[in-house]
Amino acid sequence: MKYKYASRKFIDLIQGATSKWANWDPPRKIVVGDYGMITNDTGEFDWEGNIYSSDFQEKLTSSKYKFDIDLADPTLRPIEQEAKDDYHIAKSWGVTATRTKTSGETAVLELNLQFDGKKPEAVLVMHKPTYSSLPNDERIVRLVKSMPGILQGKYIITEVVSCAAYMMYMSDKKAERFSVTLTGPVTPPVNVGGAAVYTWSSEAACRAGGNPAAKYMPLYKLKKPRPKFWELPFGHRGNEISNNMINRWEDVDPPWNPLDDEGEECEIYDAEMDGDFGVFPDGFADDDDDD
């Protein structure tokens, strides 16, 4: 699928089905603690900083709240965890993915993918995924709250899924069925001379990568504090902390209107703005004559 808003459409499909955000350029570094916004035209993350950076630490030191926190503390560092399975699939609703028995000595993953054809669909496959997440710690919450001038209104990456190899594909509005195969070493890979040690093969034109040294980051979770988070003053107690722990933050919704099949924003009809007061909330016109 090649059109102007392909990245936004792919990201929208994955986010709508999983509440996680796809990184259209997986080699691009995205890490836990990054903060920023979502670019409306592309759907990509617009990086502004990271709460673990030395620059952010300097700003924290000069904050009027003078909150003392040592982010070098191991209990405050991102939590790293390997997945139980050797692959992870993120897909939209109309995609069926079935793993098949591998054939050949070098095949490490084989999948049959089927797209129902009712509308465009997206799939993202990750091999050897690992998860990194922001610790659900009161000190992190208080750190965020102490920096409203920088973080208020921003989105924070609370989880990243990285992998040794990835494949991403978006279908047109047609029924499709094809297989994808990943070949490479069965034992932990070693990168030799900068060459990719994993190779994807398929009859479909997929975006893919297979160099473990690159540490691809194709999927992440984006969160924001609940609306009342910024209303109470720093240091307010009561239920402030328990109600605003990171695991209770809100998922970030796409900043765009619903998209058509090519990723263009659909126009939202607003009867009040257009001066059409003869329209009920259900969108149907009021044709009755009240006289």
Protein backbone atom coordinates (compact mmCIF):
# COMPACT_ATOMS: atom_id res chain seq x y z
CA MET A 1 0.00 0.00 0.00
CA LYS A 2 1.66 3.21 -1.14
CA TYR A 3 -0.06 6.49 -0.46
CA LYS A 4 0.51 9.72 1.40
CA TYR A 5 -0.89 8.64 4.77
CA ALA A 6 0.19 4.98 4.76
CA SER A 7 2.09 5.29 8.05
CA ARG A 8 -0.86 6.93 9.79
CA LYS A 9 -3.28 4.31 8.51
CA PHE A 10 -1.06 1.42 9.64
CA ILE A 11 -0.51 2.95 13.07
CA ASP A 12 -4.22 3.68 13.45
CA LEU A 13 -5.19 0.08 12.64
CA ILE A 14 -2.72 -1.38 15.16
CA GLN A 15 -3.62 1.15 17.86
CA GLY A 16 -7.35 0.59 17.41
CA ALA A 17 -6.99 -3.16 17.97
CA THR A 18 -4.25 -3.28 20.63
CA SER A 19 -4.14 0.17 22.32
CA LYS A 20 -0.42 0.17 21.49
CA TRP A 21 1.38 2.31 18.95
CA ALA A 22 3.40 0.98 16.03
CA ASN A 23 6.74 2.56 15.21
CA TRP A 24 6.67 3.00 11.43
CA ASP A 25 10.48 3.05 11.42
CA PRO A 26 11.46 0.23 13.85
CA PRO A 27 15.24 0.91 13.74
CA ARG A 28 14.46 4.37 15.14
CA LYS A 29 15.17 4.39 18.85
CA ILE A 30 12.14 4.70 21.13
CA VAL A 31 12.68 3.99 24.82
CA VAL A 32 10.75 3.94 28.08
CA GLY A 33 10.58 7.39 29.65
CA ASP A 34 10.45 9.28 26.35
CA TYR A 35 7.90 12.07 26.31
CA GLY A 36 6.41 14.08 23.46
CA MET A 37 3.39 14.15 21.16
CA ILE A 38 1.98 12.30 18.15
CA THR A 39 2.41 13.91 14.73
CA ASN A 40 -1.04 14.15 13.18
CA ASP A 41 -0.04 13.69 9.52
CA THR A 42 2.19 10.64 9.98
CA GLY A 43 1.09 9.10 13.30
CA GLU A 44 4.71 8.93 14.41
CA PHE A 45 6.00 9.85 17.85
CA ASP A 46 7.46 13.37 18.06
CA TRP A 47 10.22 13.03 20.67
CA GLU A 48 10.84 15.93 23.04
CA GLY A 49 12.91 14.34 25.82
CA ASN A 50 13.31 11.52 28.32
CA ILE A 51 12.78 11.57 32.07
CA TYR A 52 15.94 9.50 32.59
CA SER A 53 18.20 11.88 30.64
CA SER A 54 20.84 14.06 32.29
CA ASP A 55 19.20 17.11 30.71
CA PHE A 56 15.89 16.30 32.40
CA GLN A 57 17.73 15.73 35.70
CA GLU A 58 19.23 19.21 35.47
CA LYS A 59 15.78 20.70 34.89
CA LEU A 60 14.42 18.69 37.81
CA THR A 61 17.13 20.12 40.08
CA SER A 62 16.06 23.67 39.20
CA SER A 63 12.34 22.92 39.61
CA LYS A 64 10.56 25.07 42.17
CA TYR A 65 9.30 21.88 43.87
CA LYS A 66 12.86 20.68 44.64
CA PHE A 67 11.85 17.04 44.48
CA ASP A 68 14.88 14.90 45.30
CA ILE A 69 14.97 11.62 43.38
CA ASP A 70 17.82 9.44 42.20
CA LEU A 71 16.85 7.87 38.89
CA ALA A 72 20.01 5.78 39.02
CA ASP A 73 18.30 3.75 41.74
CA PRO A 74 17.86 0.25 40.21
CA THR A 75 14.28 0.06 41.51
CA LEU A 76 13.39 3.10 39.39
CA ARG A 77 15.00 1.93 36.17
CA PRO A 78 12.86 0.45 33.38
CA ILE A 79 11.86 -3.17 34.04
CA GLU A 80 13.27 -5.55 31.41
CA GLN A 81 11.50 -8.82 30.70
CA GLU A 82 11.83 -11.46 28.00
CA ALA A 83 8.66 -12.82 26.43
CA LYS A 84 7.59 -16.39 27.12
CA ASP A 85 7.03 -17.01 23.41
CA ASP A 86 9.64 -16.48 20.71
CA TYR A 87 7.34 -14.26 18.68
CA HIS A 88 4.63 -11.63 19.19
CA ILE A 89 1.95 -10.54 16.73
CA ALA A 90 0.04 -7.25 16.78
CA LYS A 91 -2.76 -7.15 14.22
CA SER A 92 -6.02 -5.47 13.35
CA TRP A 93 -9.36 -7.24 13.66
CA GLY A 94 -9.64 -8.63 10.12
CA VAL A 95 -6.32 -10.52 10.18
CA THR A 96 -5.90 -14.19 11.04
CA ALA A 97 -2.37 -15.38 11.80
CA THR A 98 -1.57 -19.08 12.20
CA ARG A 99 1.82 -20.51 13.03
CA THR A 100 2.80 -23.56 11.02
CA LYS A 101 5.45 -26.19 11.58
CA THR A 102 8.79 -24.91 10.36
CA SER A 103 10.41 -26.66 7.43
CA GLY A 104 14.14 -26.65 6.80
CA GLU A 105 17.05 -26.39 9.20
CA THR A 106 17.23 -22.59 9.15
CA ALA A 107 13.52 -21.73 9.37
CA VAL A 108 12.75 -20.37 12.84
CA LEU A 109 9.23 -19.03 12.23
CA GLU A 110 6.54 -19.68 9.61
CA LEU A 111 3.14 -18.02 9.59
CA ASN A 112 0.05 -18.15 7.40
CA LEU A 113 -1.64 -14.76 7.20
CA GLN A 114 -5.20 -14.22 6.01
CA PHE A 115 -6.96 -10.86 5.45
CA ASP A 116 -10.75 -10.82 5.23
CA GLY A 117 -10.82 -8.07 2.57
CA LYS A 118 -13.64 -6.02 4.09
CA LYS A 119 -11.28 -3.08 4.65
CA PRO A 120 -7.54 -2.40 4.89
CA GLU A 121 -5.86 -4.44 7.62
CA ALA A 122 -2.45 -4.38 9.30
CA VAL A 123 -0.14 -6.93 10.93
CA LEU A 124 3.16 -6.60 12.79
CA VAL A 125 5.23 -9.68 13.61
CA MET A 126 8.15 -9.55 16.07
CA HIS A 127 10.70 -12.31 16.65
CA LYS A 128 12.43 -12.72 20.04
CA PRO A 129 10.48 -9.88 21.68
CA THR A 130 11.56 -8.29 24.94
CA TYR A 131 9.51 -5.90 27.05
CA SER A 132 10.71 -2.78 28.84
CA SER A 133 8.29 -0.92 31.12
CA LEU A 134 8.18 2.04 33.46
CA PRO A 135 8.03 0.91 37.11
CA ASN A 136 4.70 1.62 38.77
CA ASP A 137 6.44 3.52 41.56
CA GLU A 138 5.14 6.46 43.61
CA ARG A 139 8.45 8.28 43.14
CA ILE A 140 8.06 8.27 39.36
CA VAL A 141 4.55 9.70 39.74
CA ARG A 142 5.83 12.48 41.99
CA LEU A 143 8.68 13.19 39.58
CA VAL A 144 6.23 13.69 36.72
CA LYS A 145 3.99 15.88 38.86
CA SER A 146 6.93 18.08 39.88
CA MET A 147 7.60 19.07 36.25
CA PRO A 148 4.31 20.51 34.92
CA GLY A 149 6.09 23.10 32.81
CA ILE A 150 7.64 20.33 30.74
CA LEU A 151 5.33 17.33 31.04
CA GLN A 152 1.80 18.72 31.36
CA GLY A 153 -0.10 17.91 28.18
CA LYS A 154 2.62 15.53 26.96
CA TYR A 155 2.46 11.79 26.39
CA ILE A 156 4.88 9.39 28.07
CA ILE A 157 6.12 6.06 26.72
CA THR A 158 5.55 3.54 29.50
CA GLU A 159 6.33 0.31 27.61
CA VAL A 160 8.43 -0.67 24.60
CA VAL A 161 8.50 -4.00 22.78
CA SER A 162 11.85 -4.56 21.08
CA CYS A 163 12.88 -7.53 18.96
CA ALA A 164 15.61 -9.19 16.91
CA ALA A 165 13.56 -9.19 13.69
CA TYR A 166 10.26 -7.68 12.54
CA MET A 167 7.83 -7.83 9.63
CA MET A 168 4.99 -5.39 8.97
CA TYR A 169 2.34 -5.48 6.26
CA MET A 170 -0.82 -3.55 5.41
CA SER A 171 -3.35 -4.98 2.98
CA ASP A 172 -5.49 -3.18 0.43
CA LYS A 173 -9.22 -3.59 0.60
CA LYS A 174 -9.16 -7.10 -0.79
CA ALA A 175 -9.05 -10.64 0.54
CA GLU A 176 -5.51 -12.00 0.72
CA ARG A 177 -3.75 -15.08 1.97
CA PHE A 178 -0.01 -15.70 2.02
CA SER A 179 2.76 -17.11 4.18
CA VAL A 180 5.86 -15.51 5.67
CA THR A 181 9.00 -17.35 6.73
CA LEU A 182 11.86 -16.17 8.90
CA THR A 183 15.16 -17.96 8.46
CA GLY A 184 18.23 -17.66 10.64
CA PRO A 185 20.13 -19.34 13.46
CA VAL A 186 18.17 -21.35 15.99
CA THR A 187 20.72 -20.53 18.68
CA PRO A 188 21.18 -16.92 19.89
CA PRO A 189 22.31 -14.94 16.84
CA VAL A 190 25.72 -13.44 16.35
CA ASN A 191 26.07 -10.49 14.01
CA VAL A 192 28.98 -11.05 11.65
CA GLY A 193 30.46 -8.15 9.70
CA GLY A 194 27.32 -6.06 10.07
CA ALA A 195 25.24 -8.44 7.93
CA ALA A 196 21.69 -9.32 8.88
CA VAL A 197 21.49 -12.79 10.36
CA TYR A 198 17.70 -13.14 9.94
CA THR A 199 15.89 -13.07 6.60
CA TRP A 200 12.16 -12.77 5.89
CA SER A 201 10.67 -14.31 2.75
CA SER A 202 7.14 -13.94 1.40
CA GLU A 203 5.29 -13.48 -1.86
CA ALA A 204 3.88 -10.24 -0.42
CA ALA A 205 5.80 -6.96 -0.35
CA CYS A 206 6.49 -6.51 3.36
CA ARG A 207 8.52 -4.02 5.37
CA ALA A 208 10.99 -6.07 7.36
CA GLY A 209 14.27 -6.13 9.23
CA GLY A 210 16.44 -8.90 10.61
CA ASN A 211 19.63 -7.56 12.17
CA PRO A 212 19.57 -8.26 15.94
CA ALA A 213 22.35 -5.72 16.50
CA ALA A 214 19.88 -3.02 15.49
CA LYS A 215 17.49 -3.87 18.37
CA TYR A 216 14.30 -2.96 16.54
CA MET A 217 11.61 -1.14 18.50
CA PRO A 218 8.39 -1.59 16.51
CA LEU A 219 5.75 -1.29 19.25
CA TYR A 220 5.20 0.89 22.29
CA LYS A 221 2.58 1.96 24.80
CA LEU A 222 1.76 5.63 25.20
CA LYS A 223 0.09 6.96 28.34
CA LYS A 224 -0.97 10.23 29.89
CA PRO A 225 -1.92 11.09 33.50
CA ARG A 226 -5.63 11.36 34.27
CA PRO A 227 -7.16 14.86 33.75
CA LYS A 228 -7.26 15.76 37.46
CA PHE A 229 -3.58 14.81 37.90
CA TRP A 230 -2.42 18.37 37.30
CA GLU A 231 -5.24 20.09 39.21
CA LEU A 232 -4.11 19.24 42.75
CA PRO A 233 -0.99 21.01 44.02
CA PHE A 234 2.28 19.11 44.34
CA GLY A 235 2.48 17.35 47.70
CA HIS A 236 -1.32 17.03 48.12
CA ARG A 237 -2.00 13.76 49.87
CA GLY A 238 -5.26 11.87 50.37
CA ASN A 239 -5.95 9.57 47.45
CA GLU A 240 -3.79 11.55 45.04
CA ILE A 241 -1.02 9.02 44.66
CA SER A 242 -3.16 5.85 44.64
CA ASN A 243 -5.53 7.37 42.08
CA ASN A 244 -2.71 8.50 39.81
CA MET A 245 -0.28 5.61 39.78
CA ILE A 246 1.10 4.81 36.35
CA ASN A 247 -1.04 1.70 35.96
CA ARG A 248 -4.09 3.98 36.19
CA TRP A 249 -2.95 6.48 33.59
CA GLU A 250 -5.03 6.76 30.43
CA ASP A 251 -4.24 5.32 27.02
CA VAL A 252 -3.57 8.00 24.41
CA ASP A 253 -6.16 8.22 21.65
CA PRO A 254 -5.20 9.16 18.08
CA PRO A 255 -5.31 12.94 17.52
CA TRP A 256 -6.99 12.57 14.13
CA ASN A 257 -10.60 12.08 13.05
CA PRO A 258 -11.69 8.61 11.87
CA LEU A 259 -9.70 7.65 8.75
CA ASP A 260 -10.86 6.43 5.37
CA ASP A 261 -9.28 3.46 3.57
CA GLU A 262 -6.32 5.56 2.42
CA GLY A 263 -5.61 7.19 5.76
CA GLU A 264 -7.28 10.51 4.97
CA GLU A 265 -9.26 12.09 7.80
CA CYS A 266 -13.02 11.90 7.41
CA GLU A 267 -14.94 15.08 7.89
CA ILE A 268 -17.04 15.17 11.04
CA TYR A 269 -20.37 16.90 10.52
CA ASP A 270 -21.22 19.29 13.34
CA ALA A 271 -24.82 20.48 13.01
CA GLU A 272 -24.41 23.25 15.57
CA MET A 273 -21.28 24.69 13.94
CA ASP A 274 -22.90 24.52 10.50
CA GLY A 275 -26.06 26.17 11.76
CA ASP A 276 -28.19 23.16 10.92
CA PHE A 277 -30.40 22.90 13.96
CA GLY A 278 -32.92 20.68 12.20
CA VAL A 279 -30.78 17.64 12.87
CA PHE A 280 -31.25 15.34 15.80
CA PRO A 281 -28.20 13.93 17.68
CA ASP A 282 -28.63 10.68 15.73
CA GLY A 283 -27.75 12.57 12.53
CA PHE A 284 -31.23 12.40 10.95
CA ALA A 285 -33.05 15.52 9.91
CA ASP A 286 -36.09 16.79 11.76
CA ASP A 287 -38.65 16.96 8.93
CA ASP A 288 -41.71 17.22 11.16
CA ASP A 289 -43.64 20.43 11.16
CA ASP A 290 -44.28 21.26 14.81
CA ASP A 291 -47.08 23.64 13.79
